[in-house]
């Protein structure tokens, strides 16, 4: 039985040369044509159709029928180093696996239909209900507003009224806005409940202005792509974050449409209440807001349950739009420090028992982690490499998800999630 992994890295500014380099590096580590490929790129290659040129170059080096999925990411980490610019490619050959692909388009307009189409493709081919799923989707994109362009924070009272009216148009017609991945992934895992899953939201350089997903040699900016690995190889999924309760728990007194926004917290305008609690001035919410709110994710709870970690998505006057549906009537603010965030990665890898015997560890971690850890990101990588001896790849994404039948579906932000093949 054979299970081979090759991982390549390039920072060449030319997209075709970078794609050639990652393929060449990966091929040196396997002895057969790949069974599947995972391919990721940062957004610096967007100009002049760079992503398409990279995909076309890859398929000059591997058989045309080779399954490939992936997308744009804020960066990545592997045995070669930590990068916020470049391309990376994971190539796998195994006689112990069978691979099936699925894709669903228009995830913002109709997430259920997108998920149904994706699952329909998969179910045509799968033979056994055991294995692992890799899934990548178009994450949230800041909506385009008339006269304003793409802005994550709208402060004017009058513009906010127009913004609220325009938001549905932006989401369903222009397909800019929240990603609705929670709806897609709930359906996907309900239809394929025996498989473990790891998923991530494709993104840019944490500005949330654009993203692309890759499906074989095609691109999309509004889709979910899925690769199902049928295998009897044991897999396990883990989630850690480094965050803990701050002790601040607030009552939600008014939610917005579809339970996806906060209008009032303890009968006060939601944004103003949040700023008051954490001691931020209004001016702190600007176009760089996503690099700041990482430190204060929230968790909604109620009825004896605690739900998933989220960061705030958009600020429209005093309303806060969330990336995922709000489940519960209380809001709990979480907090962390650099040490606990760094420790989350090590804790995660240690949770996967017998790490030295792993065939592969693949991780999705919040795209804001490298910004906040800075040079300590290299320390994270070294700590991980000290634990494992197997091939390893982590991508920096906007939204991280795992699933298995025991844990259920766990999605959210500001986390570190992984899947290990034993």
Protein backbone atom coordinates (compact mmCIF):
# COMPACT_ATOMS: atom_id res chain seq x y z
CA UNK A 1 0.00 0.00 0.00
CA UNK A 2 1.35 3.40 -1.05
CA UNK A 3 0.59 6.91 0.22
CA UNK A 4 2.94 9.58 -1.13
CA UNK A 5 2.79 13.34 -0.59
CA UNK A 6 4.76 16.04 -2.37
CA UNK A 7 4.52 19.74 -1.46
CA UNK A 8 6.00 22.57 -3.50
CA UNK A 9 6.49 26.28 -2.80
CA UNK A 10 7.36 29.25 -5.01
CA UNK A 11 7.55 33.02 -4.64
CA UNK A 12 8.42 33.65 -8.26
CA UNK A 13 6.56 36.77 -9.40
CA UNK A 14 5.72 35.17 -12.76
CA UNK A 15 2.58 33.00 -12.27
CA UNK A 16 3.54 30.43 -14.92
CA UNK A 17 7.07 30.07 -13.58
CA UNK A 18 5.74 29.83 -10.01
CA UNK A 19 3.27 27.10 -11.01
CA UNK A 20 6.01 25.18 -12.81
CA UNK A 21 8.27 25.41 -9.77
CA UNK A 22 5.66 24.12 -7.29
CA UNK A 23 4.84 21.20 -9.60
CA UNK A 24 8.51 20.31 -10.08
CA UNK A 25 9.23 20.38 -6.34
CA UNK A 26 6.18 18.28 -5.49
CA UNK A 27 6.87 15.70 -8.22
CA UNK A 28 10.32 14.96 -6.80
CA UNK A 29 8.67 13.52 -3.69
CA UNK A 30 6.29 11.07 -5.36
CA UNK A 31 6.94 8.26 -7.83
CA UNK A 32 3.67 8.26 -9.73
CA UNK A 33 1.22 10.61 -11.39
CA UNK A 34 -0.84 12.32 -8.67
CA UNK A 35 -4.20 10.98 -7.54
CA UNK A 36 -5.21 14.55 -6.65
CA UNK A 37 -3.80 18.06 -6.23
CA UNK A 38 -4.57 20.88 -3.77
CA UNK A 39 -3.34 24.22 -5.12
CA UNK A 40 -3.29 27.60 -3.34
CA UNK A 41 -2.11 31.06 -4.31
CA UNK A 42 -1.99 34.49 -2.73
CA UNK A 43 -3.72 37.32 -4.59
CA UNK A 44 -0.60 39.04 -5.91
CA UNK A 45 -0.96 36.94 -9.09
CA UNK A 46 -4.44 38.28 -9.94
CA UNK A 47 -3.32 40.74 -12.61
CA UNK A 48 -3.11 39.73 -16.26
CA UNK A 49 -5.12 36.56 -15.70
CA UNK A 50 -2.32 35.14 -13.54
CA UNK A 51 -4.40 32.47 -11.77
CA UNK A 52 -5.61 31.01 -15.06
CA UNK A 53 -2.07 31.01 -16.45
CA UNK A 54 -0.90 29.11 -13.37
CA UNK A 55 -3.64 26.48 -13.69
CA UNK A 56 -2.93 26.04 -17.40
CA UNK A 57 0.77 25.54 -16.64
CA UNK A 58 0.00 22.91 -14.00
CA UNK A 59 -1.99 20.89 -16.52
CA UNK A 60 0.92 20.88 -18.97
CA UNK A 61 2.84 18.93 -16.32
CA UNK A 62 0.23 16.45 -15.07
CA UNK A 63 -2.42 14.32 -16.82
CA UNK A 64 -5.47 16.34 -17.86
CA UNK A 65 -7.79 14.14 -15.79
CA UNK A 66 -5.96 14.84 -12.50
CA UNK A 67 -8.49 16.20 -9.94
CA UNK A 68 -7.53 19.63 -8.53
CA UNK A 69 -9.21 22.04 -6.15
CA UNK A 70 -7.99 25.02 -4.14
CA UNK A 71 -8.15 28.79 -4.23
CA UNK A 72 -6.71 32.08 -3.10
CA UNK A 73 -5.45 32.36 0.47
CA UNK A 74 -3.86 35.04 2.66
CA UNK A 75 -0.76 32.88 2.99
CA UNK A 76 0.47 29.43 3.94
CA UNK A 77 2.92 27.48 6.03
CA UNK A 78 4.79 24.26 5.25
CA UNK A 79 8.19 22.66 5.74
CA UNK A 80 9.75 25.33 3.50
CA UNK A 81 8.62 28.27 5.63
CA UNK A 82 5.84 30.79 6.26
CA UNK A 83 4.58 32.92 3.38
CA UNK A 84 2.11 35.76 2.76
CA UNK A 85 3.03 35.87 -0.93
CA UNK A 86 3.46 32.94 -3.28
CA UNK A 87 2.00 29.64 -4.39
CA UNK A 88 1.93 26.21 -2.80
CA UNK A 89 0.80 22.88 -4.18
CA UNK A 90 0.12 19.56 -2.46
CA UNK A 91 0.28 16.49 -4.67
CA UNK A 92 -0.89 13.08 -3.43
CA UNK A 93 -0.54 9.61 -4.94
CA UNK A 94 -2.03 6.58 -3.21
CA UNK A 95 -3.36 3.20 -4.22
CA UNK A 96 -5.46 3.31 -1.03
CA UNK A 97 -7.80 6.10 -2.10
CA UNK A 98 -10.40 7.02 -4.71
CA UNK A 99 -11.20 10.66 -5.43
CA UNK A 100 -14.40 12.41 -6.52
CA UNK A 101 -14.96 16.12 -7.18
CA UNK A 102 -18.01 18.35 -6.78
CA UNK A 103 -18.77 22.01 -7.38
CA UNK A 104 -21.72 24.28 -6.58
CA UNK A 105 -22.00 27.81 -7.97
CA UNK A 106 -23.82 30.97 -6.85
CA UNK A 107 -23.30 30.24 -3.15
CA UNK A 108 -24.35 33.73 -2.03
CA UNK A 109 -27.57 33.81 -4.03
CA UNK A 110 -28.71 30.26 -3.28
CA UNK A 111 -26.41 28.31 -0.94
CA UNK A 112 -28.70 25.31 -0.63
CA UNK A 113 -28.90 24.80 -4.38
CA UNK A 114 -25.13 25.23 -4.66
CA UNK A 115 -24.62 22.54 -2.02
CA UNK A 116 -27.20 20.26 -3.65
CA UNK A 117 -25.45 20.51 -7.02
CA UNK A 118 -22.10 19.81 -5.40
CA UNK A 119 -23.42 16.74 -3.55
CA UNK A 120 -25.22 15.47 -6.66
CA UNK A 121 -21.93 15.35 -8.56
CA UNK A 122 -20.23 13.53 -5.71
CA UNK A 123 -22.92 10.93 -5.13
CA UNK A 124 -22.78 9.84 -8.77
CA UNK A 125 -19.32 8.39 -8.19
CA UNK A 126 -18.69 7.44 -4.56
CA UNK A 127 -18.68 3.75 -3.69
CA UNK A 128 -17.92 3.64 0.04
CA UNK A 129 -19.08 5.98 2.81
CA UNK A 130 -15.74 6.39 4.52
CA UNK A 131 -12.89 8.83 4.18
CA UNK A 132 -12.27 12.55 4.15
CA UNK A 133 -13.55 15.69 2.45
CA UNK A 134 -11.57 18.79 1.49
CA UNK A 135 -13.83 21.75 0.71
CA UNK A 136 -13.01 25.36 -0.18
CA UNK A 137 -15.50 28.12 -0.82
CA UNK A 138 -15.76 31.78 -1.76
CA UNK A 139 -15.66 33.63 1.54
CA UNK A 140 -17.38 36.92 2.34
CA UNK A 141 -16.65 39.89 0.07
CA UNK A 142 -17.34 43.44 1.23
CA UNK A 143 -20.48 44.59 -0.63
CA UNK A 144 -20.31 47.22 -3.37
CA UNK A 145 -22.34 50.29 -2.40
CA UNK A 146 -23.42 53.12 -4.74
CA UNK A 147 -21.01 56.09 -4.57
CA UNK A 148 -18.96 54.37 -1.85
CA UNK A 149 -17.48 51.30 -3.49
CA UNK A 150 -16.45 48.49 -1.14
CA UNK A 151 -16.47 49.63 2.51
CA UNK A 152 -16.59 47.41 5.64
CA UNK A 153 -17.76 50.31 7.84
CA UNK A 154 -20.66 52.67 7.00
CA UNK A 155 -21.07 55.47 9.56
CA UNK A 156 -23.52 57.91 7.94
CA UNK A 157 -27.10 57.53 9.11
CA UNK A 158 -28.52 58.43 5.70
CA UNK A 159 -26.11 56.24 3.75
CA UNK A 160 -26.83 53.36 6.12
CA UNK A 161 -30.53 53.47 5.20
CA UNK A 162 -29.64 53.17 1.51
CA UNK A 163 -27.05 50.55 2.37
CA UNK A 164 -29.57 48.32 4.12
CA UNK A 165 -31.90 48.54 1.12
CA UNK A 166 -29.05 47.84 -1.28
CA UNK A 167 -27.51 44.97 0.69
CA UNK A 168 -29.86 42.26 -0.59
CA UNK A 169 -29.29 43.47 -4.16
CA UNK A 170 -25.54 43.31 -3.62
CA UNK A 171 -25.75 39.82 -2.12
CA UNK A 172 -28.15 38.16 -4.56
CA UNK A 173 -27.54 40.03 -7.80
CA UNK A 174 -23.95 41.28 -7.59
CA UNK A 175 -23.19 38.35 -5.25
CA UNK A 176 -21.02 40.43 -2.91
CA UNK A 177 -21.55 40.08 0.83
CA UNK A 178 -21.58 37.26 3.39
CA UNK A 179 -20.53 33.85 2.07
CA UNK A 180 -23.37 31.74 3.61
CA UNK A 181 -20.93 28.84 3.87
CA UNK A 182 -22.64 27.62 7.03
CA UNK A 183 -25.73 26.79 4.97
CA UNK A 184 -23.67 24.99 2.31
CA UNK A 185 -21.63 22.96 4.78
CA UNK A 186 -24.62 21.95 6.88
CA UNK A 187 -26.21 20.41 3.81
CA UNK A 188 -22.96 18.83 2.59
CA UNK A 189 -22.24 17.07 5.88
CA UNK A 190 -25.86 16.00 6.35
CA UNK A 191 -25.69 14.21 3.00
CA UNK A 192 -22.23 12.69 3.59
CA UNK A 193 -22.29 12.11 7.36
CA UNK A 194 -19.72 9.31 7.53
CA UNK A 195 -16.88 11.39 6.08
CA UNK A 196 -14.55 13.65 8.08
CA UNK A 197 -14.35 17.18 6.66
CA UNK A 198 -11.99 20.12 6.65
CA UNK A 199 -12.99 23.34 4.88
CA UNK A 200 -11.76 26.89 4.47
CA UNK A 201 -12.93 30.18 3.00
CA UNK A 202 -10.80 31.44 0.12
CA UNK A 203 -9.76 35.05 0.63
CA UNK A 204 -7.36 37.82 -0.35
CA UNK A 205 -4.89 39.77 1.82
CA UNK A 206 -7.51 40.15 4.59
CA UNK A 207 -9.24 43.10 2.93
CA UNK A 208 -12.14 40.87 1.84
CA UNK A 209 -12.36 42.62 -1.54
CA UNK A 210 -12.05 39.49 -3.75
CA UNK A 211 -11.25 35.78 -3.84
CA UNK A 212 -11.12 32.86 -6.29
CA UNK A 213 -11.71 29.13 -5.98
CA UNK A 214 -10.03 26.61 -8.30
CA UNK A 215 -11.75 23.59 -9.81
CA UNK A 216 -9.50 21.61 -12.14
CA UNK A 217 -8.40 24.23 -14.70
CA UNK A 218 -11.30 26.62 -14.04
CA UNK A 219 -11.76 29.67 -11.78
CA UNK A 220 -14.80 30.95 -9.89
CA UNK A 221 -15.39 33.82 -7.48
CA UNK A 222 -18.70 32.51 -6.12
CA UNK A 223 -18.63 28.76 -5.58
CA UNK A 224 -17.93 25.86 -3.25
CA UNK A 225 -15.51 23.18 -4.49
CA UNK A 226 -15.18 19.79 -2.83
CA UNK A 227 -12.83 16.84 -3.13
CA UNK A 228 -13.97 13.57 -1.52
CA UNK A 229 -11.29 11.02 -0.65
CA UNK A 230 -12.76 7.54 -0.29
CA UNK A 231 -10.38 5.52 1.85
CA UNK A 232 -10.12 3.20 4.81
CA UNK A 233 -7.12 5.16 6.09
CA UNK A 234 -7.92 6.49 9.56
CA UNK A 235 -8.38 10.26 9.77
CA UNK A 236 -9.06 12.66 12.63
CA UNK A 237 -10.06 16.33 12.82
CA UNK A 238 -9.29 18.85 15.56
CA UNK A 239 -10.11 22.45 16.50
CA UNK A 240 -8.29 24.84 18.85
CA UNK A 241 -8.26 28.62 19.17
CA UNK A 242 -6.35 29.91 22.20
CA UNK A 243 -9.34 32.07 23.16
CA UNK A 244 -11.19 31.95 26.45
CA UNK A 245 -14.23 33.76 27.91
CA UNK A 246 -13.54 37.34 28.97
CA UNK A 247 -16.30 37.18 31.56
CA UNK A 248 -18.44 39.61 29.55
CA UNK A 249 -21.83 38.20 28.55
CA UNK A 250 -24.49 40.45 27.04
CA UNK A 251 -28.17 40.05 26.19
CA UNK A 252 -29.18 40.39 22.55
CA UNK A 253 -32.43 42.35 22.47
CA UNK A 254 -32.91 42.75 18.70
CA UNK A 255 -31.61 40.80 15.71
CA UNK A 256 -31.75 41.72 12.03
CA UNK A 257 -32.99 39.90 8.95
CA UNK A 258 -32.46 36.12 8.93
CA UNK A 259 -30.80 36.36 12.36
CA UNK A 260 -27.58 37.47 10.66
CA UNK A 261 -27.12 40.87 12.29
CA UNK A 262 -27.15 42.55 15.69
CA UNK A 263 -29.33 45.64 15.95
CA UNK A 264 -29.54 46.06 19.72
CA UNK A 265 -27.54 44.66 22.63
CA UNK A 266 -29.15 45.19 26.04
CA UNK A 267 -31.55 47.65 24.38
CA UNK A 268 -28.70 49.83 23.12
CA UNK A 269 -27.45 50.24 19.52
CA UNK A 270 -25.26 47.18 18.93
CA UNK A 271 -22.11 48.89 17.62
CA UNK A 272 -22.04 51.56 20.30
CA UNK A 273 -22.57 48.99 23.06
CA UNK A 274 -19.72 46.84 21.78
CA UNK A 275 -17.34 49.80 21.47
CA UNK A 276 -18.20 50.94 24.99
CA UNK A 277 -17.61 47.49 26.48
CA UNK A 278 -14.14 47.05 24.94
CA UNK A 279 -13.14 50.71 25.23
CA UNK A 280 -12.65 51.52 21.55
CA UNK A 281 -13.38 54.97 20.01
CA UNK A 282 -15.61 55.15 16.93
CA UNK A 283 -12.57 56.12 14.85
CA UNK A 284 -11.02 52.72 15.48
CA UNK A 285 -13.49 51.16 13.05
CA UNK A 286 -12.00 51.92 9.63
CA UNK A 287 -11.04 50.07 6.44
CA UNK A 288 -8.46 48.06 8.43
CA UNK A 289 -11.07 46.82 10.89
CA UNK A 290 -10.53 43.11 10.12
CA UNK A 291 -6.97 43.20 11.45
CA UNK A 292 -8.29 44.56 14.77
CA UNK A 293 -11.43 42.61 15.60
CA UNK A 294 -9.56 39.29 15.65
CA UNK A 295 -8.75 39.93 19.31
CA UNK A 296 -12.42 40.05 20.28
CA UNK A 297 -14.35 37.23 18.64
CA UNK A 298 -17.77 36.51 20.07
CA UNK A 299 -19.77 33.40 20.79
CA UNK A 300 -23.56 33.30 20.88
CA UNK A 301 -25.21 31.18 23.50
CA UNK A 302 -28.53 30.42 25.12
CA UNK A 303 -30.70 27.53 26.24
CA UNK A 304 -27.71 25.88 27.88
CA UNK A 305 -25.63 25.70 24.67
CA UNK A 306 -22.60 27.64 23.44
CA UNK A 307 -22.25 28.14 19.72
CA UNK A 308 -19.46 28.92 17.32
CA UNK A 309 -16.83 31.65 17.44
CA UNK A 310 -17.37 34.53 15.03
CA UNK A 311 -15.77 37.87 14.28
CA UNK A 312 -17.89 40.85 13.31
CA UNK A 313 -18.43 41.12 9.55
CA UNK A 314 -19.73 44.59 8.60
CA UNK A 315 -20.63 47.73 10.54
CA UNK A 316 -23.57 49.64 9.05
CA UNK A 317 -24.35 52.69 11.21
CA UNK A 318 -25.11 51.01 14.57
CA UNK A 319 -25.91 47.56 13.16
CA UNK A 320 -23.35 44.73 13.13
CA UNK A 321 -23.66 42.14 10.36
CA UNK A 322 -22.30 38.70 11.27
CA UNK A 323 -20.67 36.14 8.95
CA UNK A 324 -22.82 33.29 10.29
CA UNK A 325 -26.33 32.92 11.59
CA UNK A 326 -26.84 34.05 15.21
CA UNK A 327 -28.06 31.13 17.30
CA UNK A 328 -28.93 32.10 20.86
CA UNK A 329 -29.99 35.21 22.75
CA UNK A 330 -26.72 36.01 24.53
CA UNK A 331 -23.38 37.26 23.29
CA UNK A 332 -20.16 36.25 25.01
CA UNK A 333 -16.97 38.18 24.23
CA UNK A 334 -13.81 36.06 24.09
CA UNK A 335 -10.22 37.16 24.44
CA UNK A 336 -6.66 35.86 24.05
CA UNK A 337 -3.04 36.93 24.06
CA UNK A 338 -0.09 36.21 21.77
CA UNK A 339 1.07 33.26 23.86
CA UNK A 340 -2.29 31.51 23.87
CA UNK A 341 -2.79 32.07 20.12
CA UNK A 342 0.66 30.64 19.42
CA UNK A 343 -0.09 27.70 21.68
CA UNK A 344 -3.30 26.87 19.82
CA UNK A 345 -1.39 25.38 16.88
CA UNK A 346 0.80 23.21 19.08
CA UNK A 347 -2.19 22.09 21.14
CA UNK A 348 -4.03 21.15 17.96
CA UNK A 349 -1.21 19.03 16.57
CA UNK A 350 -0.67 17.34 19.92
CA UNK A 351 -4.35 16.37 20.02
CA UNK A 352 -3.69 14.16 17.01
CA UNK A 353 -2.15 11.13 18.72
CA UNK A 354 1.06 9.45 17.49
CA UNK A 355 1.95 12.49 15.41
CA UNK A 356 5.15 10.95 14.07
CA UNK A 357 3.20 8.25 12.26
CA UNK A 358 0.91 10.65 10.34
CA UNK A 359 0.87 10.36 6.56
CA UNK A 360 -0.28 13.96 6.22
CA UNK A 361 -1.46 16.87 8.36
CA UNK A 362 -3.42 19.61 6.60
CA UNK A 363 -4.64 22.67 8.49
CA UNK A 364 -6.81 25.75 7.95
CA UNK A 365 -6.06 28.66 10.23
CA UNK A 366 -7.51 32.14 10.51
CA UNK A 367 -5.98 34.57 8.00
CA UNK A 368 -5.44 37.10 10.78
CA UNK A 369 -3.10 34.84 12.76
CA UNK A 370 0.04 35.68 10.72
CA UNK A 371 -0.71 39.41 10.99
CA UNK A 372 -1.04 39.27 14.75
CA UNK A 373 1.71 36.76 15.45
CA UNK A 374 4.20 38.58 13.21
CA UNK A 375 7.64 37.00 13.45
CA UNK A 376 6.29 34.53 16.01
CA UNK A 377 4.60 32.76 13.11
CA UNK A 378 7.99 31.25 12.32
CA UNK A 379 8.13 30.07 15.92
CA UNK A 380 4.73 28.40 15.44
CA UNK A 381 6.05 26.58 12.39
CA UNK A 382 9.17 25.42 14.22
CA UNK A 383 7.16 24.15 17.18
CA UNK A 384 4.95 22.16 14.79
CA UNK A 385 7.93 20.78 12.87
CA UNK A 386 9.46 19.65 16.18
CA UNK A 387 6.36 17.54 16.84
CA UNK A 388 5.66 15.99 13.45
CA UNK A 389 7.85 14.34 10.86
CA UNK A 390 5.17 13.90 8.20
CA UNK A 391 4.27 16.22 5.29
CA UNK A 392 2.47 19.31 6.56
CA UNK A 393 0.59 22.19 4.96
CA UNK A 394 -1.43 24.96 6.62
CA UNK A 395 -3.34 27.65 4.70
CA UNK A 396 -4.52 31.02 6.04
CA UNK A 397 -8.23 31.42 5.28
CA UNK A 398 -11.36 33.45 6.11
CA UNK A 399 -13.50 30.92 7.95
CA UNK A 400 -12.40 27.49 9.17
CA UNK A 401 -14.51 24.34 9.45
CA UNK A 402 -14.21 20.71 10.55
CA UNK A 403 -16.75 17.93 10.84
CA UNK A 404 -16.95 14.39 12.08
CA UNK A 405 -19.93 12.40 13.27
CA UNK A 406 -18.99 12.69 16.96
CA UNK A 407 -18.00 16.37 17.08
CA UNK A 408 -20.58 17.54 14.58
CA UNK A 409 -20.05 20.55 12.31
CA UNK A 410 -17.74 23.18 13.82
CA UNK A 411 -17.27 26.33 11.77
CA UNK A 412 -16.23 29.84 12.73
CA UNK A 413 -13.40 32.38 12.82
CA UNK A 414 -10.15 33.01 14.74
CA UNK A 415 -9.40 29.28 15.02
CA UNK A 416 -6.89 26.62 14.03
CA UNK A 417 -8.36 23.45 12.51
CA UNK A 418 -6.68 20.35 11.11
CA UNK A 419 -7.18 16.93 9.56
CA UNK A 420 -4.61 14.16 9.97
CA UNK A 421 -4.25 11.04 7.84
CA UNK A 422 -2.75 8.24 9.96
